[in-house]
Amino acid sequence: MSHTQHPASTASGKAKVCVIGSCSMDLVVTSSRRPGAGETVLGESFKTVPGGKGANQAVAAARLGANVTMIGRVGDDHLGKAILQNFKDNLVNTDYVEPVTDMESGTAHIILAEGDNSIIVVKAANDHVTPEYVAQAIEVIQNSDIVMIQQEIPEETVAYVSEICAKANVPLLLNPAPARHVSEAVIKNISYITPNEHEASIVFEGMTLEQALRQYPNILFVTEGSNGVRYYDGEQEVVVPTYKVDAVDTTGAGDTFNAAFGVALAEGQSLQDAIRFGNRAASLSVTKFGAQGGMPTRQEVEEQL
């Protein structure tokens, strides 16, 4: 596991962040309660907002002042055009976000009800983020200060990227969502892994949380929602508390945390400071609607720290 600090090294002084992952459109319904099987309920609102874990993390990192390149796929449909335009509006480099011919863009179908969300993801074009596709961008990956990846793309792509990063000594942050088994080979190659409690129980199956934390000191960071972030520093378990806010919509809070944590690490900040920065950004993100709607700018986070 490589932990080399790559301090922000671009001419502009901005951290170079490469995000490899999913780009989708979120179709969001708000309702007072969830329908049961076979039941129809009347909802309160419907919105389409750009999402996908990869895209969310790319947009969040760009708003926080990083120089961001996205590697992903969209469909050749109107949603794909809207996703690309949204990247451009947020100053994310889209040289490696190519439309897939005769394929629809990925979508996430989100119900916001009873103070929480339920989500069905249709991967569509995101399944075409293959190792062969990512290989076109190998130089971008090798020259990044940090690479961020998630699991809404094929498993073999995550393994391939982990090998490139390990060879090039570039830190890789894996956000293992949605949860699935992660091979020992991949875990050896990554620098940081950031599951929530549910994801940790799947990724580190057969281990208690305490055992997993002890086995991966300063590598495994478990996000515990309003409780904060837990990790093992080599001597003891540390919980870095989050900030109390009135939450409007928690969609994208984890993506905002990961992006902010990654940007701070790419800039050479200490683990504790990077987690604090991530927690502050995530807490601000839940105060507005939509995964990307509340993602804060650098100035907004620093004013609140």
C-alpha atoms as a PDB file:
ATOM      1  CA  MET A   1       0.000   0.000   0.000  1.00  0.00           C
ATOM      2  CA  SER A   2       1.571   3.226  -1.088  1.00  0.00           C
ATOM      3  CA  HIS A   3       1.267   6.277   1.128  1.00  0.00           C
ATOM      4  CA  THR A   4       3.602   8.574  -0.730  1.00  0.00           C
ATOM      5  CA  GLN A   5       2.573  12.170  -0.293  1.00  0.00           C
ATOM      6  CA  HIS A   6       2.251  13.816  -3.694  1.00  0.00           C
ATOM      7  CA  PRO A   7       1.910  17.454  -2.628  1.00  0.00           C
ATOM      8  CA  ALA A   8      -0.002  19.610  -5.098  1.00  0.00           C
ATOM      9  CA  SER A   9       2.409  19.784  -7.972  1.00  0.00           C
ATOM     10  CA  THR A  10       0.731  21.629 -10.824  1.00  0.00           C
ATOM     11  CA  ALA A  11       1.961  24.961 -12.083  1.00  0.00           C
ATOM     12  CA  SER A  12      -1.251  26.526 -10.801  1.00  0.00           C
ATOM     13  CA  GLY A  13      -0.611  25.126  -7.327  1.00  0.00           C
ATOM     14  CA  LYS A  14      -3.828  23.104  -7.595  1.00  0.00           C
ATOM     15  CA  ALA A  15      -3.915  19.436  -6.660  1.00  0.00           C
ATOM     16  CA  LYS A  16      -4.225  17.154  -9.707  1.00  0.00           C
ATOM     17  CA  VAL A  17      -7.110  14.776  -9.038  1.00  0.00           C
ATOM     18  CA  CYS A  18      -8.195  11.992 -11.389  1.00  0.00           C
ATOM     19  CA  VAL A  19     -11.630  10.455 -10.785  1.00  0.00           C
ATOM     20  CA  ILE A  20     -12.513   7.138 -12.443  1.00  0.00           C
ATOM     21  CA  GLY A  21     -16.130   6.080 -12.098  1.00  0.00           C
ATOM     22  CA  SER A  22     -19.778   6.435 -12.905  1.00  0.00           C
ATOM     23  CA  CYS A  23     -21.631   9.351 -14.486  1.00  0.00           C
ATOM     24  CA  SER A  24     -25.411   9.204 -14.194  1.00  0.00           C
ATOM     25  CA  MET A  25     -28.569  11.233 -14.025  1.00  0.00           C
ATOM     26  CA  ASP A  26     -30.456  11.057 -10.738  1.00  0.00           C
ATOM     27  CA  LEU A  27     -34.259  10.909 -11.063  1.00  0.00           C
ATOM     28  CA  VAL A  28     -35.413  12.041  -7.647  1.00  0.00           C
ATOM     29  CA  VAL A  29     -38.892  11.677  -6.190  1.00  0.00           C
ATOM     30  CA  THR A  30     -39.777  13.238  -2.834  1.00  0.00           C
ATOM     31  CA  SER A  31     -42.622  11.665  -0.856  1.00  0.00           C
ATOM     32  CA  SER A  32     -43.870  11.651   2.721  1.00  0.00           C
ATOM     33  CA  ARG A  33     -43.599   7.854   2.756  1.00  0.00           C
ATOM     34  CA  ARG A  34     -42.364   4.913   0.698  1.00  0.00           C
ATOM     35  CA  PRO A  35     -44.912   2.802  -1.186  1.00  0.00           C
ATOM     36  CA  GLY A  36     -45.187  -0.850  -0.178  1.00  0.00           C
ATOM     37  CA  ALA A  37     -45.265  -3.619  -2.814  1.00  0.00           C
ATOM     38  CA  GLY A  38     -48.211  -3.065  -5.159  1.00  0.00           C
ATOM     39  CA  GLU A  39     -49.032   0.290  -3.564  1.00  0.00           C
ATOM     40  CA  THR A  40     -49.286   3.720  -5.185  1.00  0.00           C
ATOM     41  CA  VAL A  41     -48.664   6.860  -3.146  1.00  0.00           C
ATOM     42  CA  LEU A  42     -48.776  10.498  -4.248  1.00  0.00           C
ATOM     43  CA  GLY A  43     -45.358  12.153  -4.261  1.00  0.00           C
ATOM     44  CA  GLU A  44     -44.496  15.769  -3.545  1.00  0.00           C
ATOM     45  CA  SER A  45     -41.883  16.580  -6.215  1.00  0.00           C
ATOM     46  CA  PHE A  46     -39.755  15.187  -9.035  1.00  0.00           C
ATOM     47  CA  LYS A  47     -36.365  16.465 -10.204  1.00  0.00           C
ATOM     48  CA  THR A  48     -33.574  15.303 -12.507  1.00  0.00           C
ATOM     49  CA  VAL A  49     -30.107  16.117 -11.165  1.00  0.00           C
ATOM     50  CA  PRO A  50     -26.671  14.990 -12.375  1.00  0.00           C
ATOM     51  CA  GLY A  51     -25.192  12.232 -10.206  1.00  0.00           C
ATOM     52  CA  GLY A  52     -23.275   8.971 -10.175  1.00  0.00           C
ATOM     53  CA  LYS A  53     -20.594   8.421  -7.554  1.00  0.00           C
ATOM     54  CA  GLY A  54     -17.728   9.206  -9.908  1.00  0.00           C
ATOM     55  CA  ALA A  55     -19.300  12.374 -11.272  1.00  0.00           C
ATOM     56  CA  ASN A  56     -20.303  13.525  -7.783  1.00  0.00           C
ATOM     57  CA  GLN A  57     -16.746  13.151  -6.516  1.00  0.00           C
ATOM     58  CA  ALA A  58     -15.308  14.899  -9.582  1.00  0.00           C
ATOM     59  CA  VAL A  59     -17.659  17.890  -9.261  1.00  0.00           C
ATOM     60  CA  ALA A  60     -17.089  18.130  -5.492  1.00  0.00           C
ATOM     61  CA  ALA A  61     -13.296  18.040  -5.933  1.00  0.00           C
ATOM     62  CA  ALA A  62     -13.424  20.715  -8.656  1.00  0.00           C
ATOM     63  CA  ARG A  63     -15.550  23.010  -6.484  1.00  0.00           C
ATOM     64  CA  LEU A  64     -12.981  22.570  -3.723  1.00  0.00           C
ATOM     65  CA  GLY A  65     -10.295  23.963  -6.008  1.00  0.00           C
ATOM     66  CA  ALA A  66      -8.635  20.861  -7.461  1.00  0.00           C
ATOM     67  CA  ASN A  67      -7.645  20.379 -11.089  1.00  0.00           C
ATOM     68  CA  VAL A  68      -9.945  17.434 -11.931  1.00  0.00           C
ATOM     69  CA  THR A  69      -9.977  14.992 -14.847  1.00  0.00           C
ATOM     70  CA  MET A  70     -12.940  12.605 -15.076  1.00  0.00           C
ATOM     71  CA  ILE A  71     -12.613   9.176 -16.716  1.00  0.00           C
ATOM     72  CA  GLY A  72     -16.039   7.671 -17.446  1.00  0.00           C
ATOM     73  CA  ARG A  73     -18.740   7.002 -20.048  1.00  0.00           C
ATOM     74  CA  VAL A  74     -22.159   8.438 -20.819  1.00  0.00           C
ATOM     75  CA  GLY A  75     -24.860   7.315 -23.260  1.00  0.00           C
ATOM     76  CA  ASP A  76     -25.482   8.950 -26.638  1.00  0.00           C
ATOM     77  CA  ASP A  77     -28.773  10.365 -25.350  1.00  0.00           C
ATOM     78  CA  HIS A  78     -30.036  13.707 -24.059  1.00  0.00           C
ATOM     79  CA  LEU A  79     -29.045  12.712 -20.507  1.00  0.00           C
ATOM     80  CA  GLY A  80     -25.463  12.122 -21.655  1.00  0.00           C
ATOM     81  CA  LYS A  81     -25.304  15.610 -23.177  1.00  0.00           C
ATOM     82  CA  ALA A  82     -26.647  17.116 -19.936  1.00  0.00           C
ATOM     83  CA  ILE A  83     -24.075  15.204 -17.841  1.00  0.00           C
ATOM     84  CA  LEU A  84     -21.204  16.466 -20.052  1.00  0.00           C
ATOM     85  CA  GLN A  85     -22.488  20.039 -19.900  1.00  0.00           C
ATOM     86  CA  ASN A  86     -22.683  19.823 -16.113  1.00  0.00           C
ATOM     87  CA  PHE A  87     -19.010  18.753 -15.969  1.00  0.00           C
ATOM     88  CA  LYS A  88     -18.038  21.701 -18.146  1.00  0.00           C
ATOM     89  CA  ASP A  89     -20.077  24.086 -15.965  1.00  0.00           C
ATOM     90  CA  ASN A  90     -18.109  22.809 -12.956  1.00  0.00           C
ATOM     91  CA  LEU A  91     -14.697  23.026 -14.717  1.00  0.00           C
ATOM     92  CA  VAL A  92     -14.111  19.256 -14.811  1.00  0.00           C
ATOM     93  CA  ASN A  93     -11.919  18.044 -17.709  1.00  0.00           C
ATOM     94  CA  THR A  94     -14.031  15.704 -19.907  1.00  0.00           C
ATOM     95  CA  ASP A  95     -11.390  14.604 -22.454  1.00  0.00           C
ATOM     96  CA  TYR A  96     -11.954  11.024 -21.224  1.00  0.00           C
ATOM     97  CA  VAL A  97     -15.758  10.984 -20.929  1.00  0.00           C
ATOM     98  CA  GLU A  98     -16.853   9.465 -24.237  1.00  0.00           C
ATOM     99  CA  PRO A  99     -20.445   8.630 -25.233  1.00  0.00           C
ATOM    100  CA  VAL A 100     -21.198   4.940 -25.906  1.00  0.00           C
ATOM    101  CA  THR A 101     -22.961   4.454 -29.259  1.00  0.00           C
ATOM    102  CA  ASP A 102     -26.563   3.184 -29.056  1.00  0.00           C
ATOM    103  CA  MET A 103     -26.530   3.041 -25.277  1.00  0.00           C
ATOM    104  CA  GLU A 104     -28.441   5.013 -22.684  1.00  0.00           C
ATOM    105  CA  SER A 105     -26.732   6.915 -19.866  1.00  0.00           C
ATOM    106  CA  GLY A 106     -26.646   5.501 -16.361  1.00  0.00           C
ATOM    107  CA  THR A 107     -29.528   6.497 -14.112  1.00  0.00           C
ATOM    108  CA  ALA A 108     -30.254   6.403 -10.391  1.00  0.00           C
ATOM    109  CA  HIS A 109     -33.887   6.259  -9.304  1.00  0.00           C
ATOM    110  CA  ILE A 110     -34.071   7.847  -5.874  1.00  0.00           C
ATOM    111  CA  ILE A 111     -36.956   8.014  -3.420  1.00  0.00           C
ATOM    112  CA  LEU A 112     -36.549  10.561  -0.617  1.00  0.00           C
ATOM    113  CA  ALA A 113     -39.020   9.620   2.102  1.00  0.00           C
ATOM    114  CA  GLU A 114     -39.260   9.262   5.873  1.00  0.00           C
ATOM    115  CA  GLY A 115     -35.978  11.123   6.407  1.00  0.00           C
ATOM    116  CA  ASP A 116     -33.855   8.771   4.283  1.00  0.00           C
ATOM    117  CA  ASN A 117     -33.267   7.603   0.702  1.00  0.00           C
ATOM    118  CA  SER A 118     -33.837   4.384  -1.282  1.00  0.00           C
ATOM    119  CA  ILE A 119     -31.956   4.084  -4.574  1.00  0.00           C
ATOM    120  CA  ILE A 120     -32.042   1.797  -7.624  1.00  0.00           C
ATOM    121  CA  VAL A 121     -29.057   2.274  -9.964  1.00  0.00           C
ATOM    122  CA  VAL A 122     -29.126   1.268 -13.658  1.00  0.00           C
ATOM    123  CA  LYS A 123     -25.489   1.198 -14.793  1.00  0.00           C
ATOM    124  CA  ALA A 124     -26.009   1.260 -18.604  1.00  0.00           C
ATOM    125  CA  ALA A 125     -23.063   3.187 -20.172  1.00  0.00           C
ATOM    126  CA  ASN A 126     -21.089   2.961 -16.907  1.00  0.00           C
ATOM    127  CA  ASP A 127     -20.491  -0.737 -17.620  1.00  0.00           C
ATOM    128  CA  HIS A 128     -18.321   0.417 -20.526  1.00  0.00           C
ATOM    129  CA  VAL A 129     -15.698   1.957 -18.215  1.00  0.00           C
ATOM    130  CA  THR A 130     -13.488  -1.055 -18.974  1.00  0.00           C
ATOM    131  CA  PRO A 131      -9.747  -1.548 -18.392  1.00  0.00           C
ATOM    132  CA  GLU A 132      -9.218  -1.079 -22.164  1.00  0.00           C
ATOM    133  CA  TYR A 133     -11.074   2.243 -22.065  1.00  0.00           C
ATOM    134  CA  VAL A 134      -9.211   3.478 -18.977  1.00  0.00           C
ATOM    135  CA  ALA A 135      -5.864   2.472 -20.535  1.00  0.00           C
ATOM    136  CA  GLN A 136      -6.215   5.419 -22.967  1.00  0.00           C
ATOM    137  CA  ALA A 137      -5.813   7.747 -19.983  1.00  0.00           C
ATOM    138  CA  ILE A 138      -2.875   5.984 -18.341  1.00  0.00           C
ATOM    139  CA  GLU A 139      -0.643   9.089 -18.450  1.00  0.00           C
ATOM    140  CA  VAL A 140      -3.279  11.177 -16.683  1.00  0.00           C
ATOM    141  CA  ILE A 141      -3.472   8.542 -13.943  1.00  0.00           C
ATOM    142  CA  GLN A 142       0.314   8.315 -13.568  1.00  0.00           C
ATOM    143  CA  ASN A 143       0.663  12.111 -13.300  1.00  0.00           C
ATOM    144  CA  SER A 144      -2.093  12.653 -10.719  1.00  0.00           C
ATOM    145  CA  ASP A 145      -1.550  13.643  -7.093  1.00  0.00           C
ATOM    146  CA  ILE A 146      -4.369  11.254  -6.152  1.00  0.00           C
ATOM    147  CA  VAL A 147      -6.764   8.942  -8.010  1.00  0.00           C
ATOM    148  CA  MET A 148     -10.293   8.298  -6.719  1.00  0.00           C
ATOM    149  CA  ILE A 149     -12.399   5.303  -7.750  1.00  0.00           C
ATOM    150  CA  GLN A 150     -15.717   3.710  -6.701  1.00  0.00           C
ATOM    151  CA  GLN A 151     -17.665   0.531  -7.521  1.00  0.00           C
ATOM    152  CA  GLU A 152     -20.440   1.557  -9.931  1.00  0.00           C
ATOM    153  CA  ILE A 153     -18.059   0.443 -12.704  1.00  0.00           C
ATOM    154  CA  PRO A 154     -16.734  -3.074 -13.522  1.00  0.00           C
ATOM    155  CA  GLU A 155     -14.723  -4.863 -10.840  1.00  0.00           C
ATOM    156  CA  GLU A 156     -11.852  -5.643 -13.227  1.00  0.00           C
ATOM    157  CA  THR A 157     -11.430  -1.912 -13.911  1.00  0.00           C
ATOM    158  CA  VAL A 158     -10.921  -1.214 -10.200  1.00  0.00           C
ATOM    159  CA  ALA A 159      -8.289  -3.989 -10.089  1.00  0.00           C
ATOM    160  CA  TYR A 160      -6.564  -2.638 -13.230  1.00  0.00           C
ATOM    161  CA  VAL A 161      -6.423   0.933 -11.888  1.00  0.00           C
ATOM    162  CA  SER A 162      -5.094  -0.285  -8.532  1.00  0.00           C
ATOM    163  CA  GLU A 163      -2.170  -1.929 -10.355  1.00  0.00           C
ATOM    164  CA  ILE A 164      -1.378   1.191 -12.414  1.00  0.00           C
ATOM    165  CA  CYS A 165      -1.422   3.376  -9.293  1.00  0.00           C
ATOM    166  CA  ALA A 166       0.725   0.977  -7.265  1.00  0.00           C
ATOM    167  CA  LYS A 167       3.352   0.808 -10.056  1.00  0.00           C
ATOM    168  CA  ALA A 168       3.370   4.589 -10.512  1.00  0.00           C
ATOM    169  CA  ASN A 169       3.359   5.183  -6.745  1.00  0.00           C
ATOM    170  CA  VAL A 170       0.224   7.344  -7.029  1.00  0.00           C
ATOM    171  CA  PRO A 171      -2.129   7.236  -4.011  1.00  0.00           C
ATOM    172  CA  LEU A 172      -5.458   5.547  -4.794  1.00  0.00           C
ATOM    173  CA  LEU A 173      -8.570   6.230  -2.734  1.00  0.00           C
ATOM    174  CA  LEU A 174     -11.189   3.492  -3.103  1.00  0.00           C
ATOM    175  CA  ASN A 175     -14.713   4.323  -1.979  1.00  0.00           C
ATOM    176  CA  PRO A 176     -16.110   0.743  -1.986  1.00  0.00           C
ATOM    177  CA  ALA A 177     -19.698   1.675  -2.803  1.00  0.00           C
ATOM    178  CA  PRO A 178     -21.906  -0.025  -3.711  1.00  0.00           C
ATOM    179  CA  ALA A 179     -20.476  -2.728  -1.460  1.00  0.00           C
ATOM    180  CA  ARG A 180     -19.017  -5.910  -2.902  1.00  0.00           C
ATOM    181  CA  HIS A 181     -16.084  -8.141  -2.060  1.00  0.00           C
ATOM    182  CA  VAL A 182     -12.754  -6.399  -2.686  1.00  0.00           C
ATOM    183  CA  SER A 183      -9.841  -8.727  -3.437  1.00  0.00           C
ATOM    184  CA  GLU A 184      -6.792  -8.832  -1.186  1.00  0.00           C
ATOM    185  CA  ALA A 185      -4.688  -7.871  -4.243  1.00  0.00           C
ATOM    186  CA  VAL A 186      -6.660  -4.626  -4.677  1.00  0.00           C
ATOM    187  CA  ILE A 187      -6.493  -3.784  -0.970  1.00  0.00           C
ATOM    188  CA  LYS A 188      -2.696  -4.235  -1.100  1.00  0.00           C
ATOM    189  CA  ASN A 189      -2.479  -1.682  -3.912  1.00  0.00           C
ATOM    190  CA  ILE A 190      -4.635   1.085  -2.476  1.00  0.00           C
ATOM    191  CA  SER A 191      -3.650   3.860  -0.084  1.00  0.00           C
ATOM    192  CA  TYR A 192      -7.071   4.661   1.398  1.00  0.00           C
ATOM    193  CA  ILE A 193     -10.410   2.841   1.582  1.00  0.00           C
ATOM    194  CA  THR A 194     -13.525   4.627   2.856  1.00  0.00           C
ATOM    195  CA  PRO A 195     -16.543   2.354   3.433  1.00  0.00           C
ATOM    196  CA  ASN A 196     -19.508   3.230   5.606  1.00  0.00           C
ATOM    197  CA  GLU A 197     -20.362   0.754   8.377  1.00  0.00           C
ATOM    198  CA  HIS A 198     -22.618  -1.377   6.150  1.00  0.00           C
ATOM    199  CA  GLU A 199     -20.050  -1.497   3.327  1.00  0.00           C
ATOM    200  CA  ALA A 200     -17.251  -2.355   5.786  1.00  0.00           C
ATOM    201  CA  SER A 201     -19.180  -5.417   6.997  1.00  0.00           C
ATOM    202  CA  ILE A 202     -19.316  -6.720   3.382  1.00  0.00           C
ATOM    203  CA  VAL A 203     -15.806  -5.728   2.249  1.00  0.00           C
ATOM    204  CA  PHE A 204     -14.203  -7.124   5.415  1.00  0.00           C
ATOM    205  CA  GLU A 205     -16.543 -10.065   5.854  1.00  0.00           C
ATOM    206  CA  GLY A 206     -15.634 -12.358   8.731  1.00  0.00           C
ATOM    207  CA  MET A 207     -13.860  -9.562  10.627  1.00  0.00           C
ATOM    208  CA  THR A 208     -15.263  -7.299  13.297  1.00  0.00           C
ATOM    209  CA  LEU A 209     -14.906  -3.597  12.590  1.00  0.00           C
ATOM    210  CA  GLU A 210     -12.226  -3.397  15.285  1.00  0.00           C
ATOM    211  CA  GLN A 211     -10.232  -6.220  13.666  1.00  0.00           C
ATOM    212  CA  ALA A 212     -10.458  -4.634  10.221  1.00  0.00           C
ATOM    213  CA  LEU A 213      -9.365  -1.227  11.530  1.00  0.00           C
ATOM    214  CA  ARG A 214      -6.368  -2.776  13.316  1.00  0.00           C
ATOM    215  CA  GLN A 215      -5.365  -4.732  10.238  1.00  0.00           C
ATOM    216  CA  TYR A 216      -5.372  -1.599   8.057  1.00  0.00           C
ATOM    217  CA  PRO A 217      -4.040   1.275  10.191  1.00  0.00           C
ATOM    218  CA  ASN A 218      -4.203   4.707   8.519  1.00  0.00           C
ATOM    219  CA  ILE A 219      -5.696   3.042   5.414  1.00  0.00           C
ATOM    220  CA  LEU A 220      -9.234   2.057   6.435  1.00  0.00           C
ATOM    221  CA  PHE A 221     -11.499   5.019   7.242  1.00  0.00           C
ATOM    222  CA  VAL A 222     -15.060   4.094   8.194  1.00  0.00           C
ATOM    223  CA  THR A 223     -17.647   6.852   7.721  1.00  0.00           C
ATOM    224  CA  GLU A 224     -20.299   6.701  10.439  1.00  0.00           C
ATOM    225  CA  GLY A 225     -22.701   9.415   9.274  1.00  0.00           C
ATOM    226  CA  SER A 226     -23.480  11.961  11.968  1.00  0.00           C
ATOM    227  CA  ASN A 227     -20.973  10.277  14.315  1.00  0.00           C
ATOM    228  CA  GLY A 228     -17.949  11.135  12.160  1.00  0.00           C
ATOM    229  CA  VAL A 229     -15.095   9.034  10.760  1.00  0.00           C
ATOM    230  CA  ARG A 230     -13.323   6.159  12.550  1.00  0.00           C
ATOM    231  CA  TYR A 231      -9.828   4.832  11.875  1.00  0.00           C
ATOM    232  CA  TYR A 232      -6.926   3.152  13.701  1.00  0.00           C
ATOM    233  CA  ASP A 233      -3.751   5.262  13.874  1.00  0.00           C
ATOM    234  CA  GLY A 234      -1.427   2.381  14.765  1.00  0.00           C
ATOM    235  CA  GLU A 235      -1.917   2.840  18.505  1.00  0.00           C
ATOM    236  CA  GLN A 236      -5.590   3.513  19.078  1.00  0.00           C
ATOM    237  CA  GLU A 237      -8.950   3.939  17.409  1.00  0.00           C
ATOM    238  CA  VAL A 238      -9.659   7.562  16.590  1.00  0.00           C
ATOM    239  CA  VAL A 239     -13.069   9.073  15.815  1.00  0.00           C
ATOM    240  CA  VAL A 240     -12.946  12.466  14.121  1.00  0.00           C
ATOM    241  CA  PRO A 241     -16.350  13.977  14.895  1.00  0.00           C
ATOM    242  CA  THR A 242     -18.497  15.597  12.241  1.00  0.00           C
ATOM    243  CA  TYR A 243     -20.317  18.939  12.397  1.00  0.00           C
ATOM    244  CA  LYS A 244     -23.960  19.209  13.464  1.00  0.00           C
ATOM    245  CA  VAL A 245     -26.273  20.695  10.834  1.00  0.00           C
ATOM    246  CA  ASP A 246     -29.952  20.533   9.873  1.00  0.00           C
ATOM    247  CA  ALA A 247     -29.950  17.985   7.051  1.00  0.00           C
ATOM    248  CA  VAL A 248     -32.188  18.630   4.033  1.00  0.00           C
ATOM    249  CA  ASP A 249     -30.919  15.833   1.741  1.00  0.00           C
ATOM    250  CA  THR A 250     -28.137  13.364   2.616  1.00  0.00           C
ATOM    251  CA  THR A 251     -27.686  12.137  -1.000  1.00  0.00           C
ATOM    252  CA  GLY A 252     -24.070  12.693  -2.037  1.00  0.00           C
ATOM    253  CA  ALA A 253     -22.734  13.384   1.473  1.00  0.00           C
ATOM    254  CA  GLY A 254     -20.390  10.398   1.248  1.00  0.00           C
ATOM    255  CA  ASP A 255     -19.182  11.496  -2.192  1.00  0.00           C
ATOM    256  CA  THR A 256     -18.522  15.003  -0.894  1.00  0.00           C
ATOM    257  CA  PHE A 257     -16.553  13.592   2.052  1.00  0.00           C
ATOM    258  CA  ASN A 258     -14.457  11.385  -0.241  1.00  0.00           C
ATOM    259  CA  ALA A 259     -13.719  14.225  -2.654  1.00  0.00           C
ATOM    260  CA  ALA A 260     -12.746  16.657   0.093  1.00  0.00           C
ATOM    261  CA  PHE A 261     -10.673  14.032   1.932  1.00  0.00           C
ATOM    262  CA  GLY A 262      -8.914  13.168  -1.353  1.00  0.00           C
ATOM    263  CA  VAL A 263      -8.241  16.801  -2.284  1.00  0.00           C
ATOM    264  CA  ALA A 264      -6.813  17.528   1.176  1.00  0.00           C
ATOM    265  CA  LEU A 265      -4.559  14.446   1.008  1.00  0.00           C
ATOM    266  CA  ALA A 266      -3.402  15.420  -2.506  1.00  0.00           C
ATOM    267  CA  GLU A 267      -2.435  18.809  -1.085  1.00  0.00           C
ATOM    268  CA  GLY A 268      -0.307  17.104   1.568  1.00  0.00           C
ATOM    269  CA  GLN A 269      -2.574  17.802   4.561  1.00  0.00           C
ATOM    270  CA  SER A 270      -2.289  15.501   7.593  1.00  0.00           C
ATOM    271  CA  LEU A 271      -4.774  12.636   7.987  1.00  0.00           C
ATOM    272  CA  GLN A 272      -6.625  14.387  10.825  1.00  0.00           C
ATOM    273  CA  ASP A 273      -6.836  17.681   8.926  1.00  0.00           C
ATOM    274  CA  ALA A 274      -7.925  15.885   5.751  1.00  0.00           C
ATOM    275  CA  ILE A 275     -10.722  14.076   7.627  1.00  0.00           C
ATOM    276  CA  ARG A 276     -11.816  17.322   9.275  1.00  0.00           C
ATOM    277  CA  PHE A 277     -11.894  19.035   5.889  1.00  0.00           C
ATOM    278  CA  GLY A 278     -13.934  16.116   4.508  1.00  0.00           C
ATOM    279  CA  ASN A 279     -16.364  16.195   7.429  1.00  0.00           C
ATOM    280  CA  ARG A 280     -16.886  19.939   7.105  1.00  0.00           C
ATOM    281  CA  ALA A 281     -17.542  19.707   3.353  1.00  0.00           C
ATOM    282  CA  ALA A 282     -19.934  16.761   3.813  1.00  0.00           C
ATOM    283  CA  SER A 283     -21.844  18.562   6.577  1.00  0.00           C
ATOM    284  CA  LEU A 284     -22.362  21.578   4.301  1.00  0.00           C
ATOM    285  CA  SER A 285     -23.463  19.354   1.399  1.00  0.00           C
ATOM    286  CA  VAL A 286     -26.514  17.959   3.220  1.00  0.00           C
ATOM    287  CA  THR A 287     -28.015  21.410   3.824  1.00  0.00           C
ATOM    288  CA  LYS A 288     -29.244  21.676   0.203  1.00  0.00           C
ATOM    289  CA  PHE A 289     -31.180  19.456  -2.221  1.00  0.00           C
ATOM    290  CA  GLY A 290     -29.523  16.990  -4.612  1.00  0.00           C
ATOM    291  CA  ALA A 291     -26.245  15.081  -4.563  1.00  0.00           C
ATOM    292  CA  GLN A 292     -24.374  17.988  -6.171  1.00  0.00           C
ATOM    293  CA  GLY A 293     -26.716  20.819  -5.198  1.00  0.00           C
ATOM    294  CA  GLY A 294     -25.142  21.389  -1.801  1.00  0.00           C
ATOM    295  CA  MET A 295     -21.526  20.569  -2.642  1.00  0.00           C
ATOM    296  CA  PRO A 296     -19.604  23.514  -1.214  1.00  0.00           C
ATOM    297  CA  THR A 297     -16.865  25.678  -2.720  1.00  0.00           C
ATOM    298  CA  ARG A 298     -13.410  25.870  -1.149  1.00  0.00           C
ATOM    299  CA  GLN A 299     -14.228  29.257   0.336  1.00  0.00           C
ATOM    300  CA  GLU A 300     -17.435  27.983   1.951  1.00  0.00           C
ATOM    301  CA  VAL A 301     -15.578  25.120   3.652  1.00  0.00           C
ATOM    302  CA  GLU A 302     -12.685  27.247   4.863  1.00  0.00           C
ATOM    303  CA  GLU A 303     -15.035  29.881   6.288  1.00  0.00           C
ATOM    304  CA  GLN A 304     -16.685  27.121   8.372  1.00  0.00           C
ATOM    305  CA  LEU A 305     -13.526  25.324   9.547  1.00  0.00           C
END
